Amino acid sequence: MSNLSAISRLCILTCGLFSLNVFASELSDCQKYYTDRDRHQFALASVDCFMNEANTHEKASSLRHNALVAVAQSAVWAYQTTQVSKDRFNFCEKAIQAAESLIAEFPTKGSGYYWKGIFISLRSEEKDRENGIDIGSLSLQIPLNVMRSEKEIVPLFRKALKLEPEVDGYGPNRVLGFMNLLKTEIGSFAGGDIKIATQNLELAYKKAPHYSVNVLYYARLLKELEREDEARKILKDLIAKDPYTFNPDRVADTKKDQKEAEKLLKDL
């Protein structure tokens, strides 16, 4: 994904990061919007299209599950492609509702818990952003609202990890790992655990190395561990890949992923 805020990139927000290769042909009409999701109008159309699709299918059906997941995935891009704070909050609320439907209808799958945690985090990030803090940057600002939301989001990510660790390219591992890495970077007072960060980010990278966000955060971890040579190698490999072309096996979601890799590389 692009240079997204930190939690959404745990997805990132991102990823490719949010590939729709698992979706049935019935949802293909919406994919034409999702393909151009880095343009705001198409991200919005993707959210609406997948929500309409979800509403046409019976509750607890596989097609409804896939469509609701796609609503959340598309909402990340709708969130990231607008600078209007009110709209960002609205996208978060819409995605949280979709995630809660996933939890209610598919309680044994991890996707609902994961996406609810992601968008609660994004909502908290937006509050931090209003205070001039953007944890998507490489600066070590303290995201107070995100840190306060941990009591709510960590159980959701742990639940997702238990039920469906592979969701969103091992997103639960990525989130839990990066939260600890971020706190480690901020300082010992924040309570980060570098061992937990290492265990989770390394696993996410090894299990889903084609997810560019896994590469980026693993490189950031390697820097913290003073393993700069390894970090340089994986970042250079990422930069050398073709940008995202709607192929789930691509490493980079967009050219901006590669630009972020270049920034990390310069900082080593």
Protein backbone atom coordinates (compact mmCIF):
# COMPACT_ATOMS: atom_id res chain seq x y z
CA MET A 1 0.00 0.00 0.00
CA SER A 2 1.01 3.62 -0.08
CA ASN A 3 2.73 5.61 2.67
CA LEU A 4 -0.11 4.88 5.02
CA SER A 5 -0.58 5.51 8.68
CA ALA A 6 1.20 2.95 10.82
CA ILE A 7 -1.69 0.78 11.95
CA SER A 8 -3.44 0.74 8.61
CA ARG A 9 -0.18 -0.30 6.98
CA LEU A 10 -0.01 -3.16 9.39
CA CYS A 11 -2.05 -4.04 6.99
CA ILE A 12 -1.08 -1.20 6.54
CA LEU A 13 -3.01 -0.45 6.59
CA THR A 14 -1.60 -3.05 3.33
CA CYS A 15 -2.52 -5.63 1.38
CA GLY A 16 -0.49 -7.50 -3.11
CA LEU A 17 -1.57 -6.26 0.58
CA PHE A 18 -5.31 -6.32 0.10
CA SER A 19 -5.63 -8.77 -2.78
CA LEU A 20 -9.06 -9.92 -3.82
CA ASN A 21 -7.89 -13.14 -5.43
CA VAL A 22 -9.99 -15.17 -2.98
CA PHE A 23 -13.24 -13.59 -4.12
CA ALA A 24 -15.70 -15.42 -6.31
CA SER A 25 -16.62 -14.29 -9.79
CA GLU A 26 -19.91 -12.90 -8.45
CA LEU A 27 -17.94 -10.04 -6.90
CA SER A 28 -15.89 -9.30 -10.02
CA ASP A 29 -17.99 -6.23 -10.93
CA CYS A 30 -16.66 -4.45 -7.86
CA GLN A 31 -13.06 -5.34 -8.59
CA LYS A 32 -12.94 -2.83 -11.43
CA TYR A 33 -13.22 -0.10 -8.80
CA TYR A 34 -10.84 -1.76 -6.37
CA THR A 35 -8.15 -2.04 -9.04
CA ASP A 36 -7.91 1.79 -9.07
CA ARG A 37 -8.39 2.15 -5.31
CA ASP A 38 -5.50 4.60 -4.93
CA ARG A 39 -7.82 7.19 -6.53
CA HIS A 40 -10.35 8.41 -4.01
CA GLN A 41 -13.44 8.24 -6.21
CA PHE A 42 -12.71 4.61 -7.06
CA ALA A 43 -12.03 3.72 -3.43
CA LEU A 44 -15.43 5.18 -2.52
CA ALA A 45 -17.11 3.31 -5.37
CA SER A 46 -15.42 0.11 -4.20
CA VAL A 47 -16.75 0.53 -0.64
CA ASP A 48 -20.29 1.14 -1.88
CA CYS A 49 -20.18 -1.64 -4.47
CA PHE A 50 -19.01 -4.31 -2.03
CA MET A 51 -21.49 -3.15 0.61
CA ASN A 52 -24.31 -3.47 -1.91
CA GLU A 53 -23.02 -6.93 -2.79
CA ALA A 54 -22.94 -7.92 0.88
CA ASN A 55 -26.56 -6.85 1.30
CA THR A 56 -27.68 -9.02 -1.62
CA HIS A 57 -26.41 -12.25 -0.06
CA GLU A 58 -27.81 -14.29 2.80
CA LYS A 59 -26.31 -13.80 6.22
CA ALA A 60 -23.48 -16.16 7.12
CA SER A 61 -22.92 -17.05 3.45
CA SER A 62 -19.40 -17.20 2.07
CA LEU A 63 -20.15 -14.55 -0.54
CA ARG A 64 -21.43 -12.16 2.12
CA HIS A 65 -18.29 -12.83 4.18
CA ASN A 66 -16.03 -12.02 1.22
CA ALA A 67 -17.99 -8.88 0.36
CA LEU A 68 -17.85 -7.59 3.96
CA VAL A 69 -14.10 -8.20 4.09
CA ALA A 70 -13.80 -6.25 0.83
CA VAL A 71 -15.78 -3.37 2.36
CA ALA A 72 -13.18 -3.12 5.13
CA GLN A 73 -10.27 -3.44 2.70
CA SER A 74 -11.70 -0.78 0.42
CA ALA A 75 -12.45 1.52 3.35
CA VAL A 76 -8.74 1.59 4.22
CA TRP A 77 -8.07 3.12 0.82
CA ALA A 78 -11.03 5.50 1.07
CA TYR A 79 -9.64 6.60 4.44
CA GLN A 80 -6.13 7.08 3.11
CA THR A 81 -7.06 8.93 -0.06
CA THR A 82 -8.88 11.80 1.63
CA GLN A 83 -7.53 14.53 3.87
CA VAL A 84 -10.95 15.42 5.28
CA SER A 85 -11.03 14.40 8.93
CA LYS A 86 -14.81 14.05 9.09
CA ASP A 87 -14.76 11.71 6.10
CA ARG A 88 -11.98 9.64 7.70
CA PHE A 89 -14.08 9.14 10.81
CA ASN A 90 -17.07 8.16 8.67
CA PHE A 91 -15.04 5.53 6.80
CA CYS A 92 -13.89 4.13 10.13
CA GLU A 93 -17.43 3.87 11.43
CA LYS A 94 -18.68 2.20 8.25
CA ALA A 95 -15.84 -0.32 8.34
CA ILE A 96 -16.34 -1.04 12.05
CA GLN A 97 -20.00 -1.82 11.32
CA ALA A 98 -18.94 -4.23 8.57
CA ALA A 99 -16.44 -5.84 10.94
CA GLU A 100 -19.08 -6.23 13.65
CA SER A 101 -21.34 -7.96 11.12
CA LEU A 102 -18.45 -10.32 10.33
CA ILE A 103 -17.99 -11.09 14.03
CA ALA A 104 -21.71 -11.69 14.55
CA GLU A 105 -22.16 -13.90 11.48
CA PHE A 106 -18.73 -15.55 11.36
CA PRO A 107 -17.53 -15.76 14.99
CA THR A 108 -15.07 -18.57 14.24
CA LYS A 109 -13.23 -16.56 11.56
CA GLY A 110 -10.57 -14.01 12.43
CA SER A 111 -11.33 -11.38 9.80
CA GLY A 112 -14.02 -9.50 11.74
CA TYR A 113 -11.92 -9.20 14.89
CA TYR A 114 -8.89 -8.13 12.88
CA TRP A 115 -10.64 -5.43 10.86
CA LYS A 116 -12.51 -4.08 13.85
CA GLY A 117 -9.18 -3.67 15.63
CA ILE A 118 -7.66 -1.98 12.57
CA PHE A 119 -10.40 0.62 12.28
CA ILE A 120 -10.61 1.34 15.99
CA SER A 121 -6.88 2.02 15.69
CA LEU A 122 -7.40 4.25 12.67
CA ARG A 123 -10.09 6.19 14.51
CA SER A 124 -7.64 6.73 17.36
CA GLU A 125 -4.92 7.72 14.89
CA GLU A 126 -7.21 10.37 13.48
CA LYS A 127 -7.58 11.87 16.95
CA ASP A 128 -3.79 11.87 17.29
CA ARG A 129 -3.46 13.45 13.86
CA GLU A 130 -5.71 16.30 14.99
CA ASN A 131 -3.11 16.91 17.69
CA GLY A 132 -0.34 17.05 15.10
CA ILE A 133 0.89 13.47 15.53
CA ASP A 134 1.22 11.12 12.56
CA ILE A 135 2.62 7.70 13.46
CA GLY A 136 2.72 6.80 9.79
CA SER A 137 5.85 8.92 9.52
CA LEU A 138 9.30 7.78 10.56
CA SER A 139 9.36 10.22 13.47
CA LEU A 140 9.08 8.92 17.02
CA GLN A 141 6.10 10.94 18.18
CA ILE A 142 3.98 9.46 20.95
CA PRO A 143 0.51 8.43 19.64
CA LEU A 144 -1.40 8.86 22.89
CA ASN A 145 -4.87 7.99 21.58
CA VAL A 146 -3.62 4.86 19.81
CA MET A 147 -1.80 3.76 22.96
CA ARG A 148 -4.94 4.35 25.02
CA SER A 149 -6.94 2.16 22.63
CA GLU A 150 -4.68 -0.84 23.26
CA LYS A 151 -6.93 -2.33 25.92
CA GLU A 152 -9.67 -2.58 23.32
CA ILE A 153 -7.71 -3.54 20.22
CA VAL A 154 -5.12 -6.00 21.54
CA PRO A 155 -7.75 -8.62 22.56
CA LEU A 156 -9.28 -8.29 19.08
CA PHE A 157 -5.95 -8.91 17.37
CA ARG A 158 -5.16 -11.82 19.69
CA LYS A 159 -8.55 -13.34 18.92
CA ALA A 160 -7.88 -12.98 15.19
CA LEU A 161 -4.44 -14.53 15.66
CA LYS A 162 -5.96 -17.54 17.39
CA LEU A 163 -8.72 -18.08 14.83
CA GLU A 164 -7.16 -17.06 11.52
CA PRO A 165 -3.50 -15.97 11.75
CA GLU A 166 -3.12 -15.76 7.97
CA VAL A 167 -5.77 -13.04 7.58
CA ASP A 168 -4.41 -10.07 5.62
CA GLY A 169 -0.99 -11.59 5.13
CA TYR A 170 -0.52 -12.56 8.78
CA GLY A 171 -1.89 -9.19 9.80
CA PRO A 172 -2.49 -10.09 13.47
CA ASN A 173 1.19 -10.97 13.90
CA ARG A 174 2.18 -7.83 12.02
CA VAL A 175 0.03 -5.56 14.18
CA LEU A 176 1.06 -7.05 17.52
CA GLY A 177 4.69 -7.05 16.45
CA PHE A 178 4.71 -3.50 15.20
CA MET A 179 2.91 -2.15 18.26
CA ASN A 180 5.76 -3.48 20.38
CA LEU A 181 8.39 -2.24 17.93
CA LEU A 182 6.88 1.24 17.88
CA LYS A 183 6.90 1.43 21.68
CA THR A 184 10.49 0.18 21.72
CA GLU A 185 11.49 2.95 19.32
CA ILE A 186 9.71 5.58 21.41
CA GLY A 187 11.56 4.58 24.59
CA SER A 188 11.67 2.13 27.46
CA PHE A 189 8.94 4.03 29.32
CA ALA A 190 6.43 3.01 26.62
CA GLY A 191 6.73 -0.66 27.60
CA GLY A 192 7.61 -2.24 24.26
CA ASP A 193 8.93 -5.79 24.13
CA ILE A 194 11.50 -6.28 21.39
CA LYS A 195 11.26 -10.07 21.72
CA ILE A 196 7.53 -9.99 21.00
CA ALA A 197 8.16 -7.57 18.14
CA THR A 198 10.82 -9.84 16.67
CA GLN A 199 8.77 -13.02 17.01
CA ASN A 200 5.71 -11.55 15.29
CA LEU A 201 7.30 -9.41 12.58
CA GLU A 202 9.73 -12.14 11.61
CA LEU A 203 6.89 -14.66 11.33
CA ALA A 204 4.77 -12.31 9.21
CA TYR A 205 7.69 -11.63 6.89
CA LYS A 206 8.60 -15.30 6.51
CA LYS A 207 4.99 -16.44 6.01
CA ALA A 208 3.98 -13.65 3.62
CA PRO A 209 7.09 -12.00 2.14
CA HIS A 210 5.06 -10.90 -0.89
CA TYR A 211 3.19 -8.44 1.32
CA SER A 212 5.21 -5.26 0.98
CA VAL A 213 4.21 -3.96 4.39
CA ASN A 214 5.71 -7.09 5.95
CA VAL A 215 8.98 -6.26 4.22
CA LEU A 216 8.92 -2.63 5.36
CA TYR A 217 8.25 -3.36 9.01
CA TYR A 218 10.63 -6.28 9.15
CA ALA A 219 13.33 -3.98 7.78
CA ARG A 220 12.48 -1.46 10.47
CA LEU A 221 12.85 -4.22 13.06
CA LEU A 222 16.20 -5.30 11.62
CA LYS A 223 17.42 -1.73 11.96
CA GLU A 224 16.41 -1.71 15.62
CA LEU A 225 18.29 -4.99 16.09
CA GLU A 226 21.36 -3.46 14.39
CA ARG A 227 21.12 -5.95 11.53
CA GLU A 228 21.42 -3.22 8.91
CA ASP A 229 22.93 -5.41 6.15
CA GLU A 230 19.90 -7.70 6.21
CA ALA A 231 17.57 -4.70 6.20
CA ARG A 232 19.35 -3.19 3.20
CA LYS A 233 19.03 -6.42 1.24
CA ILE A 234 15.29 -6.86 1.65
CA LEU A 235 14.62 -3.17 1.00
CA LYS A 236 16.69 -3.24 -2.19
CA ASP A 237 14.79 -6.35 -3.29
CA LEU A 238 11.50 -4.54 -2.69
CA ILE A 239 12.61 -1.47 -4.63
CA ALA A 240 13.66 -3.67 -7.56
CA LYS A 241 10.24 -5.30 -7.92
CA ASP A 242 7.58 -4.22 -10.37
CA PRO A 243 4.93 -2.03 -8.76
CA TYR A 244 1.55 -3.48 -7.99
CA THR A 245 -0.40 -4.53 -11.08
CA PHE A 246 -3.36 -6.34 -9.52
CA ASN A 247 -1.35 -9.50 -9.09
CA PRO A 248 -1.48 -10.93 -5.55
CA ASP A 249 2.06 -12.26 -5.89
CA ARG A 250 3.60 -8.82 -6.41
CA VAL A 251 5.69 -7.51 -3.56
CA ALA A 252 4.88 -3.83 -3.87
CA ASP A 253 1.29 -2.62 -3.74
CA THR A 254 2.06 0.74 -5.25
CA LYS A 255 5.07 2.77 -6.24
CA LYS A 256 4.73 4.62 -2.95
CA ASP A 257 5.66 1.42 -1.13
CA GLN A 258 8.93 1.49 -2.98
CA LYS A 259 9.41 5.15 -2.11
CA GLU A 260 8.94 4.32 1.55
CA ALA A 261 11.52 1.56 1.18
CA GLU A 262 13.90 4.11 -0.31
CA LYS A 263 13.39 6.38 2.73
CA LEU A 264 14.13 3.53 5.12
CA LEU A 265 17.19 2.58 3.10
CA LYS A 266 18.61 6.12 3.32
CA ASP A 267 18.11 6.05 7.07
CA LEU A 268 20.29 2.94 7.50
